[in-house]
């Protein structure tokens, strides 16, 4: 992809995250995003059909970056790996936006895309780490990705919300099973 396209999309995604953090995603318009990103509305529409598509792509990018770091994770480690902690710290930093995406109608496609990216990352990590589970790897990846999305959604619903480090540990324990004493 052309470097200018990558830069423009990154600016639009950053603008959406910043504005959503300031006033909530529903109060942000395409004009607001374009202005914050330093582009005009027509440039926005050259890249995205609407803000929901921009949001989905922005979350895809975050998941893709996290998934690229899965190689070499020790599946026997008792503590959540740094990539998981970092991913949930990003979600925590944009909690209002993610809460809207995970818990309210209208953003189901975004969650489906996020789950698909997690699923793909797990398949890649399983292959890279030479895992040979007792079931087909795609079935394992489907269960794990669904569990991760479920834990994140439940964590975002909590009030008060525990820190992302706690949520990362919950995700890790759901994936591995509770620690044995």
C-alpha atoms as a PDB file:
ATOM      1  CA  UNK A   1       0.000   0.000   0.000  1.00  0.00           C
ATOM      2  CA  UNK A   2       1.221   3.505  -0.832  1.00  0.00           C
ATOM      3  CA  UNK A   3       2.912   5.210   2.138  1.00  0.00           C
ATOM      4  CA  UNK A   4       0.667   8.277   1.763  1.00  0.00           C
ATOM      5  CA  UNK A   5      -2.443   6.111   2.101  1.00  0.00           C
ATOM      6  CA  UNK A   6      -1.012   4.451   5.201  1.00  0.00           C
ATOM      7  CA  UNK A   7      -0.188   7.842   6.762  1.00  0.00           C
ATOM      8  CA  UNK A   8      -3.602   9.316   5.956  1.00  0.00           C
ATOM      9  CA  UNK A   9      -5.433   6.310   7.382  1.00  0.00           C
ATOM     10  CA  UNK A  10      -3.274   6.369  10.503  1.00  0.00           C
ATOM     11  CA  UNK A  11      -4.069  10.077  11.005  1.00  0.00           C
ATOM     12  CA  UNK A  12      -7.794   9.436  10.539  1.00  0.00           C
ATOM     13  CA  UNK A  13      -7.690   6.541  13.009  1.00  0.00           C
ATOM     14  CA  UNK A  14      -5.756   8.589  15.575  1.00  0.00           C
ATOM     15  CA  UNK A  15      -8.215  11.463  15.144  1.00  0.00           C
ATOM     16  CA  UNK A  16     -11.162   9.143  15.754  1.00  0.00           C
ATOM     17  CA  UNK A  17      -9.609   7.707  18.938  1.00  0.00           C
ATOM     18  CA  UNK A  18      -8.769  11.183  20.241  1.00  0.00           C
ATOM     19  CA  UNK A  19     -12.185  12.674  19.504  1.00  0.00           C
ATOM     20  CA  UNK A  20     -14.069   9.648  20.818  1.00  0.00           C
ATOM     21  CA  UNK A  21     -12.092   9.959  24.053  1.00  0.00           C
ATOM     22  CA  UNK A  22     -12.979  13.628  24.354  1.00  0.00           C
ATOM     23  CA  UNK A  23     -16.706  13.474  23.636  1.00  0.00           C
ATOM     24  CA  UNK A  24     -17.805   9.933  22.839  1.00  0.00           C
ATOM     25  CA  UNK A  25     -17.950   8.262  19.455  1.00  0.00           C
ATOM     26  CA  UNK A  26     -21.607   9.113  18.853  1.00  0.00           C
ATOM     27  CA  UNK A  27     -20.894  12.856  19.139  1.00  0.00           C
ATOM     28  CA  UNK A  28     -18.095  12.718  16.567  1.00  0.00           C
ATOM     29  CA  UNK A  29     -18.872  13.497  12.937  1.00  0.00           C
ATOM     30  CA  UNK A  30     -16.928  12.722   9.793  1.00  0.00           C
ATOM     31  CA  UNK A  31     -16.209  16.460   9.507  1.00  0.00           C
ATOM     32  CA  UNK A  32     -14.742  16.447  13.024  1.00  0.00           C
ATOM     33  CA  UNK A  33     -12.503  13.496  12.202  1.00  0.00           C
ATOM     34  CA  UNK A  34     -11.315  15.015   8.923  1.00  0.00           C
ATOM     35  CA  UNK A  35     -10.588  18.357  10.577  1.00  0.00           C
ATOM     36  CA  UNK A  36      -8.633  16.761  13.450  1.00  0.00           C
ATOM     37  CA  UNK A  37      -6.666  14.621  10.971  1.00  0.00           C
ATOM     38  CA  UNK A  38      -5.867  17.648   8.834  1.00  0.00           C
ATOM     39  CA  UNK A  39      -7.632  16.385   5.716  1.00  0.00           C
ATOM     40  CA  UNK A  40     -10.846  17.375   3.968  1.00  0.00           C
ATOM     41  CA  UNK A  41     -14.082  15.386   3.942  1.00  0.00           C
ATOM     42  CA  UNK A  42     -13.528  14.167   0.387  1.00  0.00           C
ATOM     43  CA  UNK A  43     -10.191  12.673   1.472  1.00  0.00           C
ATOM     44  CA  UNK A  44     -11.976  10.930   4.331  1.00  0.00           C
ATOM     45  CA  UNK A  45     -14.464   9.403   1.881  1.00  0.00           C
ATOM     46  CA  UNK A  46     -11.665   8.294  -0.448  1.00  0.00           C
ATOM     47  CA  UNK A  47     -10.537   6.026   2.380  1.00  0.00           C
ATOM     48  CA  UNK A  48     -13.692   5.179   4.346  1.00  0.00           C
ATOM     49  CA  UNK A  49     -17.404   5.031   3.628  1.00  0.00           C
ATOM     50  CA  UNK A  50     -18.366   6.108   7.175  1.00  0.00           C
ATOM     51  CA  UNK A  51     -16.972   6.454  10.697  1.00  0.00           C
ATOM     52  CA  UNK A  52     -18.005   2.902  11.641  1.00  0.00           C
ATOM     53  CA  UNK A  53     -15.768   1.521   8.871  1.00  0.00           C
ATOM     54  CA  UNK A  54     -12.959   3.787  10.082  1.00  0.00           C
ATOM     55  CA  UNK A  55     -13.523   2.517  13.625  1.00  0.00           C
ATOM     56  CA  UNK A  56     -13.463  -1.104  12.484  1.00  0.00           C
ATOM     57  CA  UNK A  57     -10.214  -0.515  10.585  1.00  0.00           C
ATOM     58  CA  UNK A  58      -8.674   1.286  13.561  1.00  0.00           C
ATOM     59  CA  UNK A  59      -9.532  -1.616  15.878  1.00  0.00           C
ATOM     60  CA  UNK A  60      -8.299  -4.069  13.238  1.00  0.00           C
ATOM     61  CA  UNK A  61      -4.950  -2.297  13.213  1.00  0.00           C
ATOM     62  CA  UNK A  62      -4.645  -2.455  17.005  1.00  0.00           C
ATOM     63  CA  UNK A  63      -5.514  -6.180  16.958  1.00  0.00           C
ATOM     64  CA  UNK A  64      -3.132  -6.813  14.053  1.00  0.00           C
ATOM     65  CA  UNK A  65      -0.267  -5.121  15.889  1.00  0.00           C
ATOM     66  CA  UNK A  66      -0.987  -7.154  19.022  1.00  0.00           C
ATOM     67  CA  UNK A  67      -1.307 -10.366  17.012  1.00  0.00           C
ATOM     68  CA  UNK A  68       2.049  -9.777  15.359  1.00  0.00           C
ATOM     69  CA  UNK A  69       3.657  -9.966  18.801  1.00  0.00           C
ATOM     70  CA  UNK A  70       2.202 -13.345  19.800  1.00  0.00           C
ATOM     71  CA  UNK A  71       5.097 -15.408  18.546  1.00  0.00           C
ATOM     72  CA  UNK A  72       7.200 -16.847  21.334  1.00  0.00           C
ATOM     73  CA  UNK A  73       4.629 -16.543  24.125  1.00  0.00           C
ATOM     74  CA  UNK A  74       5.210 -19.099  26.852  1.00  0.00           C
ATOM     75  CA  UNK A  75       1.856 -20.878  27.260  1.00  0.00           C
ATOM     76  CA  UNK A  76       2.970 -22.231  30.631  1.00  0.00           C
ATOM     77  CA  UNK A  77       3.750 -18.828  32.176  1.00  0.00           C
ATOM     78  CA  UNK A  78       1.483 -18.003  35.120  1.00  0.00           C
ATOM     79  CA  UNK A  79       1.287 -14.303  34.286  1.00  0.00           C
ATOM     80  CA  UNK A  80      -0.321 -12.687  31.272  1.00  0.00           C
ATOM     81  CA  UNK A  81       2.223 -11.964  28.528  1.00  0.00           C
ATOM     82  CA  UNK A  82       3.220  -8.337  27.881  1.00  0.00           C
ATOM     83  CA  UNK A  83       1.447  -8.253  24.499  1.00  0.00           C
ATOM     84  CA  UNK A  84      -1.865  -9.061  26.187  1.00  0.00           C
ATOM     85  CA  UNK A  85      -1.235  -6.512  28.943  1.00  0.00           C
ATOM     86  CA  UNK A  86      -0.389  -3.866  26.310  1.00  0.00           C
ATOM     87  CA  UNK A  87      -3.481  -4.704  24.229  1.00  0.00           C
ATOM     88  CA  UNK A  88      -5.775  -4.327  27.232  1.00  0.00           C
ATOM     89  CA  UNK A  89      -3.962  -1.139  28.310  1.00  0.00           C
ATOM     90  CA  UNK A  90      -4.883   0.295  24.901  1.00  0.00           C
ATOM     91  CA  UNK A  91      -8.497  -0.735  25.459  1.00  0.00           C
ATOM     92  CA  UNK A  92      -8.412   0.807  28.937  1.00  0.00           C
ATOM     93  CA  UNK A  93      -7.036   4.077  27.531  1.00  0.00           C
ATOM     94  CA  UNK A  94     -10.041   4.196  25.184  1.00  0.00           C
ATOM     95  CA  UNK A  95     -12.508   2.474  27.510  1.00  0.00           C
ATOM     96  CA  UNK A  96     -15.524   4.622  26.660  1.00  0.00           C
ATOM     97  CA  UNK A  97     -15.121   3.872  22.962  1.00  0.00           C
ATOM     98  CA  UNK A  98     -14.581   0.150  23.483  1.00  0.00           C
ATOM     99  CA  UNK A  99     -17.457  -0.015  25.963  1.00  0.00           C
ATOM    100  CA  UNK A 100     -19.740   1.394  23.276  1.00  0.00           C
ATOM    101  CA  UNK A 101     -18.424  -1.071  20.704  1.00  0.00           C
ATOM    102  CA  UNK A 102     -18.644  -4.136  22.956  1.00  0.00           C
ATOM    103  CA  UNK A 103     -21.895  -3.484  24.760  1.00  0.00           C
ATOM    104  CA  UNK A 104     -24.269  -1.433  22.656  1.00  0.00           C
ATOM    105  CA  UNK A 105     -26.043  -2.315  19.426  1.00  0.00           C
ATOM    106  CA  UNK A 106     -24.794  -1.027  16.118  1.00  0.00           C
ATOM    107  CA  UNK A 107     -21.172  -2.135  16.347  1.00  0.00           C
ATOM    108  CA  UNK A 108     -21.545  -5.912  16.057  1.00  0.00           C
ATOM    109  CA  UNK A 109     -19.572  -5.955  12.814  1.00  0.00           C
ATOM    110  CA  UNK A 110     -16.657  -4.287  14.595  1.00  0.00           C
ATOM    111  CA  UNK A 111     -16.623  -6.980  17.288  1.00  0.00           C
ATOM    112  CA  UNK A 112     -16.878  -9.722  14.646  1.00  0.00           C
ATOM    113  CA  UNK A 113     -13.855  -8.272  12.850  1.00  0.00           C
ATOM    114  CA  UNK A 114     -11.922  -7.990  16.101  1.00  0.00           C
ATOM    115  CA  UNK A 115     -12.725 -11.610  16.969  1.00  0.00           C
ATOM    116  CA  UNK A 116     -11.604 -12.662  13.475  1.00  0.00           C
ATOM    117  CA  UNK A 117      -8.261 -10.904  13.953  1.00  0.00           C
ATOM    118  CA  UNK A 118      -7.755 -12.536  17.334  1.00  0.00           C
ATOM    119  CA  UNK A 119      -8.692 -15.892  15.776  1.00  0.00           C
ATOM    120  CA  UNK A 120      -6.126 -15.433  12.999  1.00  0.00           C
ATOM    121  CA  UNK A 121      -3.451 -14.322  15.470  1.00  0.00           C
ATOM    122  CA  UNK A 122      -4.046 -17.431  17.561  1.00  0.00           C
ATOM    123  CA  UNK A 123      -3.783 -19.680  14.498  1.00  0.00           C
ATOM    124  CA  UNK A 124      -0.524 -17.992  13.542  1.00  0.00           C
ATOM    125  CA  UNK A 125       0.861 -18.202  17.076  1.00  0.00           C
ATOM    126  CA  UNK A 126      -0.104 -21.868  17.384  1.00  0.00           C
ATOM    127  CA  UNK A 127       1.722 -22.651  14.168  1.00  0.00           C
ATOM    128  CA  UNK A 128       4.768 -20.521  15.063  1.00  0.00           C
ATOM    129  CA  UNK A 129       5.014 -22.067  18.532  1.00  0.00           C
ATOM    130  CA  UNK A 130       4.537 -25.610  17.251  1.00  0.00           C
ATOM    131  CA  UNK A 131       1.430 -26.250  19.343  1.00  0.00           C
ATOM    132  CA  UNK A 132      -0.329 -29.524  18.651  1.00  0.00           C
ATOM    133  CA  UNK A 133      -3.577 -29.442  20.633  1.00  0.00           C
ATOM    134  CA  UNK A 134      -5.898 -32.423  20.958  1.00  0.00           C
ATOM    135  CA  UNK A 135      -8.457 -30.710  18.709  1.00  0.00           C
ATOM    136  CA  UNK A 136      -8.269 -28.963  15.350  1.00  0.00           C
ATOM    137  CA  UNK A 137      -6.384 -25.685  15.735  1.00  0.00           C
ATOM    138  CA  UNK A 138      -9.182 -23.684  14.097  1.00  0.00           C
ATOM    139  CA  UNK A 139     -11.627 -24.972  16.718  1.00  0.00           C
ATOM    140  CA  UNK A 140      -9.211 -24.048  19.495  1.00  0.00           C
ATOM    141  CA  UNK A 141      -8.692 -20.582  17.962  1.00  0.00           C
ATOM    142  CA  UNK A 142     -12.457 -20.050  17.678  1.00  0.00           C
ATOM    143  CA  UNK A 143     -12.991 -20.925  21.335  1.00  0.00           C
ATOM    144  CA  UNK A 144     -10.096 -18.843  22.577  1.00  0.00           C
ATOM    145  CA  UNK A 145     -10.963 -15.785  20.457  1.00  0.00           C
ATOM    146  CA  UNK A 146     -14.602 -15.935  21.577  1.00  0.00           C
ATOM    147  CA  UNK A 147     -13.482 -16.220  25.188  1.00  0.00           C
ATOM    148  CA  UNK A 148     -11.126 -13.259  24.873  1.00  0.00           C
ATOM    149  CA  UNK A 149     -13.848 -11.077  23.362  1.00  0.00           C
ATOM    150  CA  UNK A 150     -16.281 -12.220  26.082  1.00  0.00           C
ATOM    151  CA  UNK A 151     -13.892 -11.437  28.920  1.00  0.00           C
ATOM    152  CA  UNK A 152     -13.096  -8.012  27.467  1.00  0.00           C
ATOM    153  CA  UNK A 153     -16.792  -7.211  27.147  1.00  0.00           C
ATOM    154  CA  UNK A 154     -17.516  -8.328  30.724  1.00  0.00           C
ATOM    155  CA  UNK A 155     -14.535  -6.359  32.041  1.00  0.00           C
ATOM    156  CA  UNK A 156     -15.733  -3.211  30.248  1.00  0.00           C
ATOM    157  CA  UNK A 157     -19.153  -3.628  31.925  1.00  0.00           C
ATOM    158  CA  UNK A 158     -17.735  -3.649  35.468  1.00  0.00           C
ATOM    159  CA  UNK A 159     -18.213  -0.577  37.622  1.00  0.00           C
ATOM    160  CA  UNK A 160     -15.785   0.193  39.026  1.00  0.00           C
ATOM    161  CA  UNK A 161     -13.626  -1.275  36.272  1.00  0.00           C
ATOM    162  CA  UNK A 162     -10.518  -3.072  37.518  1.00  0.00           C
ATOM    163  CA  UNK A 163      -7.222  -2.091  35.874  1.00  0.00           C
ATOM    164  CA  UNK A 164      -6.211  -3.564  32.533  1.00  0.00           C
ATOM    165  CA  UNK A 165      -3.510  -5.640  34.222  1.00  0.00           C
ATOM    166  CA  UNK A 166      -6.228  -7.518  36.117  1.00  0.00           C
ATOM    167  CA  UNK A 167      -8.278  -7.978  32.943  1.00  0.00           C
ATOM    168  CA  UNK A 168      -5.202  -9.300  31.130  1.00  0.00           C
ATOM    169  CA  UNK A 169      -4.683 -11.842  33.894  1.00  0.00           C
ATOM    170  CA  UNK A 170      -8.355 -12.874  33.684  1.00  0.00           C
ATOM    171  CA  UNK A 171      -8.038 -13.383  29.929  1.00  0.00           C
ATOM    172  CA  UNK A 172      -4.860 -15.398  30.446  1.00  0.00           C
ATOM    173  CA  UNK A 173      -6.476 -17.604  33.086  1.00  0.00           C
ATOM    174  CA  UNK A 174      -9.537 -18.172  30.891  1.00  0.00           C
ATOM    175  CA  UNK A 175      -7.222 -19.262  28.076  1.00  0.00           C
ATOM    176  CA  UNK A 176      -5.055 -21.512  30.263  1.00  0.00           C
ATOM    177  CA  UNK A 177      -7.598 -22.520  32.886  1.00  0.00           C
ATOM    178  CA  UNK A 178      -7.493 -21.309  36.475  1.00  0.00           C
ATOM    179  CA  UNK A 179      -4.211 -21.738  38.318  1.00  0.00           C
ATOM    180  CA  UNK A 180      -3.914 -24.873  40.380  1.00  0.00           C
ATOM    181  CA  UNK A 181      -2.738 -24.617  43.936  1.00  0.00           C
END
